[in-house]
All heavy atoms as atom14 arrays in JSON, in Angstrom:
{
  "sequence": "IVNAAWGTYQSNGDAYFIPNTWVIDMVNLAIKSDWAWNVVSPTLDSGW",
  "atom14_mask": [
    [1, 1, 1, 1, 1, 1, 1, 1, 0, 0, 0, 0, 0, 0],
    [1, 1, 1, 1, 1, 1, 1, 0, 0, 0, 0, 0, 0, 0],
    [1, 1, 1, 1, 1, 1, 1, 1, 0, 0, 0, 0, 0, 0],
    [1, 1, 1, 1, 1, 0, 0, 0, 0, 0, 0, 0, 0, 0],
    [1, 1, 1, 1, 1, 0, 0, 0, 0, 0, 0, 0, 0, 0],
    [1, 1, 1, 1, 1, 1, 1, 1, 1, 1, 1, 1, 1, 1],
    [1, 1, 1, 1, 0, 0, 0, 0, 0, 0, 0, 0, 0, 0],
    [1, 1, 1, 1, 1, 1, 1, 0, 0, 0, 0, 0, 0, 0],
    [1, 1, 1, 1, 1, 1, 1, 1, 1, 1, 1, 1, 0, 0],
    [1, 1, 1, 1, 1, 1, 1, 1, 1, 0, 0, 0, 0, 0],
    [1, 1, 1, 1, 1, 1, 0, 0, 0, 0, 0, 0, 0, 0],
    [1, 1, 1, 1, 1, 1, 1, 1, 0, 0, 0, 0, 0, 0],
    [1, 1, 1, 1, 0, 0, 0, 0, 0, 0, 0, 0, 0, 0],
    [1, 1, 1, 1, 1, 1, 1, 1, 0, 0, 0, 0, 0, 0],
    [1, 1, 1, 1, 1, 0, 0, 0, 0, 0, 0, 0, 0, 0],
    [1, 1, 1, 1, 1, 1, 1, 1, 1, 1, 1, 1, 0, 0],
    [1, 1, 1, 1, 1, 1, 1, 1, 1, 1, 1, 0, 0, 0],
    [1, 1, 1, 1, 1, 1, 1, 1, 0, 0, 0, 0, 0, 0],
    [1, 1, 1, 1, 1, 1, 1, 0, 0, 0, 0, 0, 0, 0],
    [1, 1, 1, 1, 1, 1, 1, 1, 0, 0, 0, 0, 0, 0],
    [1, 1, 1, 1, 1, 1, 1, 0, 0, 0, 0, 0, 0, 0],
    [1, 1, 1, 1, 1, 1, 1, 1, 1, 1, 1, 1, 1, 1],
    [1, 1, 1, 1, 1, 1, 1, 0, 0, 0, 0, 0, 0, 0],
    [1, 1, 1, 1, 1, 1, 1, 1, 0, 0, 0, 0, 0, 0],
    [1, 1, 1, 1, 1, 1, 1, 1, 0, 0, 0, 0, 0, 0],
    [1, 1, 1, 1, 1, 1, 1, 1, 0, 0, 0, 0, 0, 0],
    [1, 1, 1, 1, 1, 1, 1, 0, 0, 0, 0, 0, 0, 0],
    [1, 1, 1, 1, 1, 1, 1, 1, 0, 0, 0, 0, 0, 0],
    [1, 1, 1, 1, 1, 1, 1, 1, 0, 0, 0, 0, 0, 0],
    [1, 1, 1, 1, 1, 0, 0, 0, 0, 0, 0, 0, 0, 0],
    [1, 1, 1, 1, 1, 1, 1, 1, 0, 0, 0, 0, 0, 0],
    [1, 1, 1, 1, 1, 1, 1, 1, 1, 0, 0, 0, 0, 0],
    [1, 1, 1, 1, 1, 1, 0, 0, 0, 0, 0, 0, 0, 0],
    [1, 1, 1, 1, 1, 1, 1, 1, 0, 0, 0, 0, 0, 0],
    [1, 1, 1, 1, 1, 1, 1, 1, 1, 1, 1, 1, 1, 1],
    [1, 1, 1, 1, 1, 0, 0, 0, 0, 0, 0, 0, 0, 0],
    [1, 1, 1, 1, 1, 1, 1, 1, 1, 1, 1, 1, 1, 1],
    [1, 1, 1, 1, 1, 1, 1, 1, 0, 0, 0, 0, 0, 0],
    [1, 1, 1, 1, 1, 1, 1, 0, 0, 0, 0, 0, 0, 0],
    [1, 1, 1, 1, 1, 1, 1, 0, 0, 0, 0, 0, 0, 0],
    [1, 1, 1, 1, 1, 1, 0, 0, 0, 0, 0, 0, 0, 0],
    [1, 1, 1, 1, 1, 1, 1, 0, 0, 0, 0, 0, 0, 0],
    [1, 1, 1, 1, 1, 1, 1, 0, 0, 0, 0, 0, 0, 0],
    [1, 1, 1, 1, 1, 1, 1, 1, 0, 0, 0, 0, 0, 0],
    [1, 1, 1, 1, 1, 1, 1, 1, 0, 0, 0, 0, 0, 0],
    [1, 1, 1, 1, 1, 1, 0, 0, 0, 0, 0, 0, 0, 0],
    [1, 1, 1, 1, 0, 0, 0, 0, 0, 0, 0, 0, 0, 0],
    [1, 1, 1, 1, 1, 1, 1, 1, 1, 1, 1, 1, 1, 1]
  ],
  "atom14_positions": [
    [[88.82, 24.13, 69.91], [88.93, 23.21, 71.09], [87.88, 22.19, 71.01], [86.7, 22.58, 70.97], [88.98, 23.95, 72.46], [90.15, 25.0, 72.48], [88.99, 22.95, 73.6], [90.08, 25.81, 73.68], [0.0, 0.0, 0.0], [0.0, 0.0, 0.0], [0.0, 0.0, 0.0], [0.0, 0.0, 0.0], [0.0, 0.0, 0.0], [0.0, 0.0, 0.0]],
    [[88.25, 20.94, 71.01], [87.17, 19.82, 70.94], [87.09, 19.19, 72.31], [88.08, 18.94, 72.98], [87.67, 18.72, 69.95], [86.61, 17.63, 69.95], [87.82, 19.24, 68.53], [0.0, 0.0, 0.0], [0.0, 0.0, 0.0], [0.0, 0.0, 0.0], [0.0, 0.0, 0.0], [0.0, 0.0, 0.0], [0.0, 0.0, 0.0], [0.0, 0.0, 0.0]],
    [[85.78, 19.3, 72.83], [85.46, 18.62, 74.13], [84.87, 17.29, 73.75], [83.58, 17.27, 73.51], [84.53, 19.54, 74.89], [85.13, 20.85, 75.22], [86.32, 20.88, 75.66], [84.45, 21.91, 74.9], [0.0, 0.0, 0.0], [0.0, 0.0, 0.0], [0.0, 0.0, 0.0], [0.0, 0.0, 0.0], [0.0, 0.0, 0.0], [0.0, 0.0, 0.0]],
    [[85.58, 16.25, 73.73], [85.14, 14.97, 73.38], [85.12, 13.98, 74.61], [85.69, 14.28, 75.68], [86.0, 14.37, 72.29], [0.0, 0.0, 0.0], [0.0, 0.0, 0.0], [0.0, 0.0, 0.0], [0.0, 0.0, 0.0], [0.0, 0.0, 0.0], [0.0, 0.0, 0.0], [0.0, 0.0, 0.0], [0.0, 0.0, 0.0], [0.0, 0.0, 0.0]],
    [[84.36, 12.82, 74.45], [84.36, 11.87, 75.54], [85.82, 11.48, 76.02], [85.97, 11.11, 77.18], [83.46, 10.69, 75.17], [0.0, 0.0, 0.0], [0.0, 0.0, 0.0], [0.0, 0.0, 0.0], [0.0, 0.0, 0.0], [0.0, 0.0, 0.0], [0.0, 0.0, 0.0], [0.0, 0.0, 0.0], [0.0, 0.0, 0.0], [0.0, 0.0, 0.0]],
    [[86.71, 11.39, 75.12], [88.04, 10.83, 75.39], [89.07, 11.99, 75.8], [90.09, 11.72, 76.07], [88.58, 10.11, 74.19], [88.7, 11.08, 73.04], [89.59, 11.96, 72.65], [87.7, 11.1, 72.03], [89.26, 12.52, 71.46], [88.14, 12.05, 71.0], [86.44, 10.48, 71.81], [87.29, 12.42, 69.87], [85.69, 10.82, 70.65], [86.16, 11.71, 69.75]],
    [[88.53, 13.15, 75.86], [89.34, 14.33, 76.36], [89.2, 15.63, 75.59], [88.3, 15.77, 74.77], [0.0, 0.0, 0.0], [0.0, 0.0, 0.0], [0.0, 0.0, 0.0], [0.0, 0.0, 0.0], [0.0, 0.0, 0.0], [0.0, 0.0, 0.0], [0.0, 0.0, 0.0], [0.0, 0.0, 0.0], [0.0, 0.0, 0.0], [0.0, 0.0, 0.0]],
    [[90.0, 16.6, 75.97], [89.91, 17.93, 75.3], [91.17, 18.28, 74.64], [92.32, 18.06, 75.23], [89.68, 18.92, 76.45], [88.34, 18.73, 77.08], [89.55, 20.43, 75.76], [0.0, 0.0, 0.0], [0.0, 0.0, 0.0], [0.0, 0.0, 0.0], [0.0, 0.0, 0.0], [0.0, 0.0, 0.0], [0.0, 0.0, 0.0], [0.0, 0.0, 0.0]],
    [[91.02, 18.8, 73.33], [92.36, 19.13, 72.75], [92.07, 20.36, 71.85], [91.01, 20.69, 71.45], [92.96, 17.95, 71.85], [92.01, 17.52, 70.78], [92.08, 17.96, 69.54], [91.01, 16.49, 70.98], [91.26, 17.54, 68.57], [90.17, 16.15, 70.02], [90.29, 16.6, 68.75], [89.53, 16.21, 67.75], [0.0, 0.0, 0.0], [0.0, 0.0, 0.0]],
    [[93.26, 21.01, 71.45], [93.13, 22.18, 70.63], [93.85, 21.94, 69.34], [94.86, 21.28, 69.26], [93.78, 23.4, 71.24], [93.66, 24.72, 70.56], [94.14, 25.89, 71.26], [94.21, 25.87, 72.42], [94.37, 26.96, 70.55], [0.0, 0.0, 0.0], [0.0, 0.0, 0.0], [0.0, 0.0, 0.0], [0.0, 0.0, 0.0], [0.0, 0.0, 0.0]],
    [[93.31, 22.5, 68.24], [93.91, 22.29, 66.9], [93.57, 23.41, 65.96], [92.94, 24.41, 66.45], [93.52, 20.97, 66.35], [94.26, 20.7, 65.13], [0.0, 0.0, 0.0], [0.0, 0.0, 0.0], [0.0, 0.0, 0.0], [0.0, 0.0, 0.0], [0.0, 0.0, 0.0], [0.0, 0.0, 0.0], [0.0, 0.0, 0.0], [0.0, 0.0, 0.0]],
    [[94.17, 23.42, 64.73], [93.87, 24.33, 63.76], [93.02, 23.78, 62.63], [93.21, 22.63, 62.31], [95.13, 25.02, 63.2], [95.86, 25.64, 64.32], [95.4, 26.36, 65.14], [97.18, 25.35, 64.37], [0.0, 0.0, 0.0], [0.0, 0.0, 0.0], [0.0, 0.0, 0.0], [0.0, 0.0, 0.0], [0.0, 0.0, 0.0], [0.0, 0.0, 0.0]],
    [[92.37, 24.61, 61.89], [91.56, 24.09, 60.71], [91.32, 25.28, 59.67], [91.6, 26.41, 60.0], [0.0, 0.0, 0.0], [0.0, 0.0, 0.0], [0.0, 0.0, 0.0], [0.0, 0.0, 0.0], [0.0, 0.0, 0.0], [0.0, 0.0, 0.0], [0.0, 0.0, 0.0], [0.0, 0.0, 0.0], [0.0, 0.0, 0.0], [0.0, 0.0, 0.0]],
    [[90.77, 24.91, 58.47], [90.39, 25.9, 57.65], [89.15, 25.48, 56.84], [88.83, 24.2, 56.93], [91.49, 26.14, 56.54], [92.01, 24.96, 55.86], [91.52, 23.85, 56.14], [92.73, 25.23, 54.81], [0.0, 0.0, 0.0], [0.0, 0.0, 0.0], [0.0, 0.0, 0.0], [0.0, 0.0, 0.0], [0.0, 0.0, 0.0], [0.0, 0.0, 0.0]],
    [[88.45, 26.32, 56.32], [87.21, 25.94, 55.56], [86.81, 27.11, 54.62], [87.31, 28.2, 54.77], [86.07, 25.75, 56.61], [0.0, 0.0, 0.0], [0.0, 0.0, 0.0], [0.0, 0.0, 0.0], [0.0, 0.0, 0.0], [0.0, 0.0, 0.0], [0.0, 0.0, 0.0], [0.0, 0.0, 0.0], [0.0, 0.0, 0.0], [0.0, 0.0, 0.0]],
    [[85.88, 26.79, 53.72], [85.1, 27.85, 53.0], [83.81, 28.04, 53.66], [83.21, 27.07, 54.32], [84.92, 27.43, 51.55], [86.17, 27.55, 50.74], [87.08, 26.41, 50.63], [86.62, 28.79, 50.15], [88.25, 26.55, 49.86], [87.78, 28.86, 49.47], [88.58, 27.78, 49.35], [89.76, 27.88, 48.66], [0.0, 0.0, 0.0], [0.0, 0.0, 0.0]],
    [[83.25, 29.27, 53.58], [82.02, 29.5, 54.29], [80.96, 30.09, 53.37], [81.25, 30.67, 52.29], [82.21, 30.5, 55.49], [82.67, 31.83, 55.08], [81.66, 32.79, 54.64], [83.94, 32.34, 55.03], [82.14, 34.12, 54.32], [84.36, 33.5, 54.8], [83.41, 34.45, 54.38], [0.0, 0.0, 0.0], [0.0, 0.0, 0.0], [0.0, 0.0, 0.0]],
    [[79.67, 29.77, 53.67], [78.53, 30.33, 52.99], [77.77, 31.36, 53.92], [77.4, 30.96, 54.99], [77.58, 29.3, 52.63], [78.23, 28.26, 51.59], [76.25, 29.8, 51.93], [78.54, 28.69, 50.2], [0.0, 0.0, 0.0], [0.0, 0.0, 0.0], [0.0, 0.0, 0.0], [0.0, 0.0, 0.0], [0.0, 0.0, 0.0], [0.0, 0.0, 0.0]],
    [[77.71, 32.54, 53.55], [77.0, 33.53, 54.43], [75.51, 33.07, 54.63], [74.87, 32.56, 53.71], [76.98, 34.9, 53.63], [78.21, 34.77, 52.85], [78.28, 33.34, 52.42], [0.0, 0.0, 0.0], [0.0, 0.0, 0.0], [0.0, 0.0, 0.0], [0.0, 0.0, 0.0], [0.0, 0.0, 0.0], [0.0, 0.0, 0.0], [0.0, 0.0, 0.0]],
    [[75.04, 33.21, 55.81], [73.64, 32.79, 56.13], [72.63, 33.52, 55.18], [71.61, 32.86, 54.98], [73.3, 33.11, 57.57], [74.04, 32.18, 58.58], [74.64, 31.2, 58.14], [74.05, 32.56, 59.75], [0.0, 0.0, 0.0], [0.0, 0.0, 0.0], [0.0, 0.0, 0.0], [0.0, 0.0, 0.0], [0.0, 0.0, 0.0], [0.0, 0.0, 0.0]],
    [[72.87, 34.65, 54.76], [71.91, 35.42, 53.93], [71.9, 34.83, 52.63], [70.91, 35.1, 51.78], [72.35, 36.83, 53.82], [73.69, 36.97, 53.3], [72.16, 37.62, 55.06], [0.0, 0.0, 0.0], [0.0, 0.0, 0.0], [0.0, 0.0, 0.0], [0.0, 0.0, 0.0], [0.0, 0.0, 0.0], [0.0, 0.0, 0.0], [0.0, 0.0, 0.0]],
    [[72.74, 33.8, 52.17], [72.62, 33.18, 50.86], [71.78, 31.97, 50.96], [71.38, 31.44, 49.93], [74.02, 32.71, 50.42], [74.92, 33.81, 50.05], [74.79, 35.16, 50.21], [76.21, 33.65, 49.49], [75.93, 35.88, 49.78], [76.85, 34.92, 49.37], [76.98, 32.57, 49.06], [78.15, 35.23, 48.74], [78.27, 32.78, 48.48], [78.76, 34.0, 48.3]],
    [[71.39, 31.49, 52.18], [70.7, 30.29, 52.36], [69.28, 30.28, 52.03], [68.54, 31.21, 52.48], [70.93, 29.64, 53.8], [70.16, 28.42, 53.97], [72.38, 29.57, 54.13], [0.0, 0.0, 0.0], [0.0, 0.0, 0.0], [0.0, 0.0, 0.0], [0.0, 0.0, 0.0], [0.0, 0.0, 0.0], [0.0, 0.0, 0.0], [0.0, 0.0, 0.0]],
    [[68.72, 29.33, 51.18], [67.3, 29.24, 50.85], [66.67, 28.22, 51.75], [65.65, 28.46, 52.26], [67.25, 28.89, 49.44], [67.68, 29.97, 48.49], [65.74, 28.56, 48.99], [67.92, 29.48, 47.06], [0.0, 0.0, 0.0], [0.0, 0.0, 0.0], [0.0, 0.0, 0.0], [0.0, 0.0, 0.0], [0.0, 0.0, 0.0], [0.0, 0.0, 0.0]],
    [[67.39, 27.06, 52.08], [66.89, 26.07, 53.02], [67.98, 25.31, 53.56], [69.0, 25.14, 52.92], [65.93, 25.13, 52.14], [65.12, 24.16, 53.07], [64.74, 24.71, 54.12], [64.92, 23.01, 52.77], [0.0, 0.0, 0.0], [0.0, 0.0, 0.0], [0.0, 0.0, 0.0], [0.0, 0.0, 0.0], [0.0, 0.0, 0.0], [0.0, 0.0, 0.0]],
    [[67.73, 24.91, 54.79], [68.76, 24.23, 55.58], [68.12, 23.04, 56.36], [67.15, 23.22, 57.02], [69.64, 25.17, 56.53], [70.9, 24.61, 56.95], [72.15, 24.78, 55.62], [73.31, 23.52, 56.15], [0.0, 0.0, 0.0], [0.0, 0.0, 0.0], [0.0, 0.0, 0.0], [0.0, 0.0, 0.0], [0.0, 0.0, 0.0], [0.0, 0.0, 0.0]],
    [[68.84, 21.91, 56.42], [68.3, 20.71, 57.16], [69.44, 20.2, 58.02], [70.49, 19.82, 57.45], [67.69, 19.7, 56.2], [67.22, 18.49, 57.02], [66.65, 20.27, 55.39], [0.0, 0.0, 0.0], [0.0, 0.0, 0.0], [0.0, 0.0, 0.0], [0.0, 0.0, 0.0], [0.0, 0.0, 0.0], [0.0, 0.0, 0.0], [0.0, 0.0, 0.0]],
    [[69.22, 20.21, 59.3], [70.25, 19.64, 60.21], [69.92, 18.14, 60.3], [68.8, 17.76, 60.67], [70.17, 20.32, 61.65], [70.83, 21.68, 61.67], [71.8, 21.91, 60.94], [70.28, 22.49, 62.42], [0.0, 0.0, 0.0], [0.0, 0.0, 0.0], [0.0, 0.0, 0.0], [0.0, 0.0, 0.0], [0.0, 0.0, 0.0], [0.0, 0.0, 0.0]],
    [[70.98, 17.29, 60.22], [70.82, 15.85, 60.54], [71.7, 15.53, 61.75], [72.65, 16.24, 62.06], [71.25, 14.95, 59.33], [70.45, 15.21, 58.04], [71.05, 14.2, 56.89], [69.01, 14.96, 58.27], [0.0, 0.0, 0.0], [0.0, 0.0, 0.0], [0.0, 0.0, 0.0], [0.0, 0.0, 0.0], [0.0, 0.0, 0.0], [0.0, 0.0, 0.0]],
    [[71.36, 14.47, 62.43], [72.16, 14.07, 63.6], [71.92, 12.61, 63.94], [70.95, 12.06, 63.48], [71.74, 14.96, 64.8], [0.0, 0.0, 0.0], [0.0, 0.0, 0.0], [0.0, 0.0, 0.0], [0.0, 0.0, 0.0], [0.0, 0.0, 0.0], [0.0, 0.0, 0.0], [0.0, 0.0, 0.0], [0.0, 0.0, 0.0], [0.0, 0.0, 0.0]],
    [[72.78, 12.02, 64.76], [72.56, 10.71, 65.41], [71.84, 10.98, 66.56], [72.16, 11.76, 67.45], [73.87, 9.99, 65.61], [74.63, 9.86, 64.26], [73.62, 8.68, 66.27], [76.12, 9.25, 64.48], [0.0, 0.0, 0.0], [0.0, 0.0, 0.0], [0.0, 0.0, 0.0], [0.0, 0.0, 0.0], [0.0, 0.0, 0.0], [0.0, 0.0, 0.0]],
    [[70.61, 10.38, 66.79], [69.7, 10.74, 67.81], [70.38, 10.7, 69.26], [70.23, 11.75, 69.94], [68.42, 9.78, 67.78], [67.35, 10.3, 68.89], [66.19, 9.38, 68.74], [65.05, 9.8, 69.69], [63.92, 8.97, 69.64], [0.0, 0.0, 0.0], [0.0, 0.0, 0.0], [0.0, 0.0, 0.0], [0.0, 0.0, 0.0], [0.0, 0.0, 0.0]],
    [[71.09, 9.77, 69.56], [71.69, 9.52, 70.88], [72.87, 10.49, 71.16], [73.32, 10.69, 72.16], [71.98, 8.1, 71.16], [73.06, 7.71, 70.32], [0.0, 0.0, 0.0], [0.0, 0.0, 0.0], [0.0, 0.0, 0.0], [0.0, 0.0, 0.0], [0.0, 0.0, 0.0], [0.0, 0.0, 0.0], [0.0, 0.0, 0.0], [0.0, 0.0, 0.0]],
    [[73.52, 11.0, 69.87], [74.8, 11.69, 70.1], [74.71, 13.09, 69.79], [75.77, 13.78, 69.8], [75.79, 11.02, 69.07], [76.09, 9.63, 69.44], [75.73, 9.09, 70.5], [76.76, 8.88, 68.68], [0.0, 0.0, 0.0], [0.0, 0.0, 0.0], [0.0, 0.0, 0.0], [0.0, 0.0, 0.0], [0.0, 0.0, 0.0], [0.0, 0.0, 0.0]],
    [[73.58, 13.72, 69.57], [73.5, 15.09, 69.23], [74.0, 15.95, 70.37], [73.71, 15.72, 71.59], [72.0, 15.5, 69.03], [71.89, 17.01, 68.73], [71.94, 17.64, 67.43], [71.71, 17.98, 69.7], [71.8, 18.91, 67.7], [71.59, 19.25, 68.98], [71.37, 18.08, 71.03], [71.3, 20.4, 69.57], [71.19, 19.25, 71.69], [71.19, 20.48, 70.91]],
    [[74.98, 16.92, 69.98], [75.6, 17.78, 71.02], [75.3, 19.34, 70.71], [75.19, 20.06, 71.64], [77.08, 17.55, 71.02], [0.0, 0.0, 0.0], [0.0, 0.0, 0.0], [0.0, 0.0, 0.0], [0.0, 0.0, 0.0], [0.0, 0.0, 0.0], [0.0, 0.0, 0.0], [0.0, 0.0, 0.0], [0.0, 0.0, 0.0], [0.0, 0.0, 0.0]],
    [[75.18, 19.59, 69.46], [74.91, 21.02, 69.09], [74.42, 21.11, 67.56], [74.69, 20.19, 66.89], [76.23, 21.87, 69.31], [77.46, 21.56, 68.37], [77.78, 20.35, 67.96], [78.28, 22.49, 67.79], [78.92, 20.51, 67.14], [79.19, 21.76, 67.06], [78.26, 23.92, 67.85], [80.23, 22.33, 66.35], [79.33, 24.51, 67.04], [80.34, 23.72, 66.33]],
    [[73.83, 22.21, 67.28], [73.53, 22.51, 65.84], [74.66, 23.31, 65.2], [75.19, 24.27, 65.77], [72.22, 23.24, 65.67], [70.93, 22.31, 65.67], [71.14, 21.03, 65.69], [69.79, 22.83, 65.78], [0.0, 0.0, 0.0], [0.0, 0.0, 0.0], [0.0, 0.0, 0.0], [0.0, 0.0, 0.0], [0.0, 0.0, 0.0], [0.0, 0.0, 0.0]],
    [[75.08, 22.91, 64.03], [76.33, 23.43, 63.41], [76.07, 24.69, 62.55], [76.85, 25.16, 61.84], [77.14, 22.47, 62.62], [77.63, 21.31, 63.52], [76.31, 21.84, 61.4], [0.0, 0.0, 0.0], [0.0, 0.0, 0.0], [0.0, 0.0, 0.0], [0.0, 0.0, 0.0], [0.0, 0.0, 0.0], [0.0, 0.0, 0.0], [0.0, 0.0, 0.0]],
    [[74.69, 25.04, 62.53], [74.26, 26.27, 61.72], [73.53, 27.1, 62.77], [72.92, 26.67, 63.68], [73.5, 25.9, 60.56], [74.25, 24.94, 59.6], [72.15, 25.29, 60.85], [0.0, 0.0, 0.0], [0.0, 0.0, 0.0], [0.0, 0.0, 0.0], [0.0, 0.0, 0.0], [0.0, 0.0, 0.0], [0.0, 0.0, 0.0], [0.0, 0.0, 0.0]],
    [[73.27, 28.35, 62.33], [72.46, 29.28, 63.12], [71.02, 28.86, 63.24], [70.47, 28.27, 62.35], [72.46, 30.69, 62.39], [71.56, 31.49, 63.06], [0.0, 0.0, 0.0], [0.0, 0.0, 0.0], [0.0, 0.0, 0.0], [0.0, 0.0, 0.0], [0.0, 0.0, 0.0], [0.0, 0.0, 0.0], [0.0, 0.0, 0.0], [0.0, 0.0, 0.0]],
    [[70.43, 29.11, 64.51], [69.03, 28.69, 64.66], [68.08, 29.43, 63.78], [66.91, 29.06, 63.56], [68.73, 29.01, 66.06], [69.84, 29.89, 66.54], [71.03, 29.6, 65.77], [0.0, 0.0, 0.0], [0.0, 0.0, 0.0], [0.0, 0.0, 0.0], [0.0, 0.0, 0.0], [0.0, 0.0, 0.0], [0.0, 0.0, 0.0], [0.0, 0.0, 0.0]],
    [[68.46, 30.56, 63.11], [67.66, 31.27, 62.21], [67.53, 30.47, 60.82], [66.52, 30.72, 60.21], [68.25, 32.6, 61.88], [69.5, 32.51, 61.25], [68.41, 33.49, 63.15], [0.0, 0.0, 0.0], [0.0, 0.0, 0.0], [0.0, 0.0, 0.0], [0.0, 0.0, 0.0], [0.0, 0.0, 0.0], [0.0, 0.0, 0.0], [0.0, 0.0, 0.0]],
    [[68.42, 29.61, 60.71], [68.41, 28.74, 59.48], [67.59, 27.42, 59.78], [66.84, 26.95, 58.95], [69.75, 28.37, 58.87], [70.57, 29.63, 58.57], [71.95, 29.15, 58.04], [69.89, 30.55, 57.44], [0.0, 0.0, 0.0], [0.0, 0.0, 0.0], [0.0, 0.0, 0.0], [0.0, 0.0, 0.0], [0.0, 0.0, 0.0], [0.0, 0.0, 0.0]],
    [[67.92, 26.74, 60.87], [67.28, 25.61, 61.31], [67.46, 25.49, 62.79], [68.56, 25.3, 63.31], [67.88, 24.33, 60.63], [67.1, 23.09, 60.92], [66.07, 23.18, 61.67], [67.39, 22.01, 60.26], [0.0, 0.0, 0.0], [0.0, 0.0, 0.0], [0.0, 0.0, 0.0], [0.0, 0.0, 0.0], [0.0, 0.0, 0.0], [0.0, 0.0, 0.0]],
    [[66.36, 25.52, 63.52], [66.5, 25.5, 64.93], [66.33, 24.09, 65.58], [66.38, 23.97, 66.71], [65.36, 26.4, 65.6], [64.14, 25.99, 65.23], [0.0, 0.0, 0.0], [0.0, 0.0, 0.0], [0.0, 0.0, 0.0], [0.0, 0.0, 0.0], [0.0, 0.0, 0.0], [0.0, 0.0, 0.0], [0.0, 0.0, 0.0], [0.0, 0.0, 0.0]],
    [[66.08, 23.07, 64.64], [65.97, 21.7, 65.11], [66.9, 20.73, 64.31], [67.87, 21.17, 63.74], [0.0, 0.0, 0.0], [0.0, 0.0, 0.0], [0.0, 0.0, 0.0], [0.0, 0.0, 0.0], [0.0, 0.0, 0.0], [0.0, 0.0, 0.0], [0.0, 0.0, 0.0], [0.0, 0.0, 0.0], [0.0, 0.0, 0.0], [0.0, 0.0, 0.0]],
    [[66.54, 19.45, 64.41], [67.28, 18.49, 63.66], [66.4, 17.27, 63.5], [65.53, 17.01, 64.18], [68.62, 18.21, 64.28], [68.54, 17.77, 65.74], [68.53, 18.7, 66.72], [68.43, 16.45, 66.34], [68.43, 17.93, 68.0], [68.36, 16.74, 67.71], [68.44, 15.21, 65.76], [68.28, 15.55, 68.5], [68.32, 14.17, 66.62], [68.28, 14.29, 68.06]]
  ]
}
């Protein structure tokens, strides 16, 4: 479910995943004014 400025909608998706235990380093990037959430666990990167 996407909660966007223009409304809320539901959809389906698919992806491949990497277990967090495989991660050596992670860097979150964002647009400063538009940050809404971190897309990885805070154990990997708690900031951006």
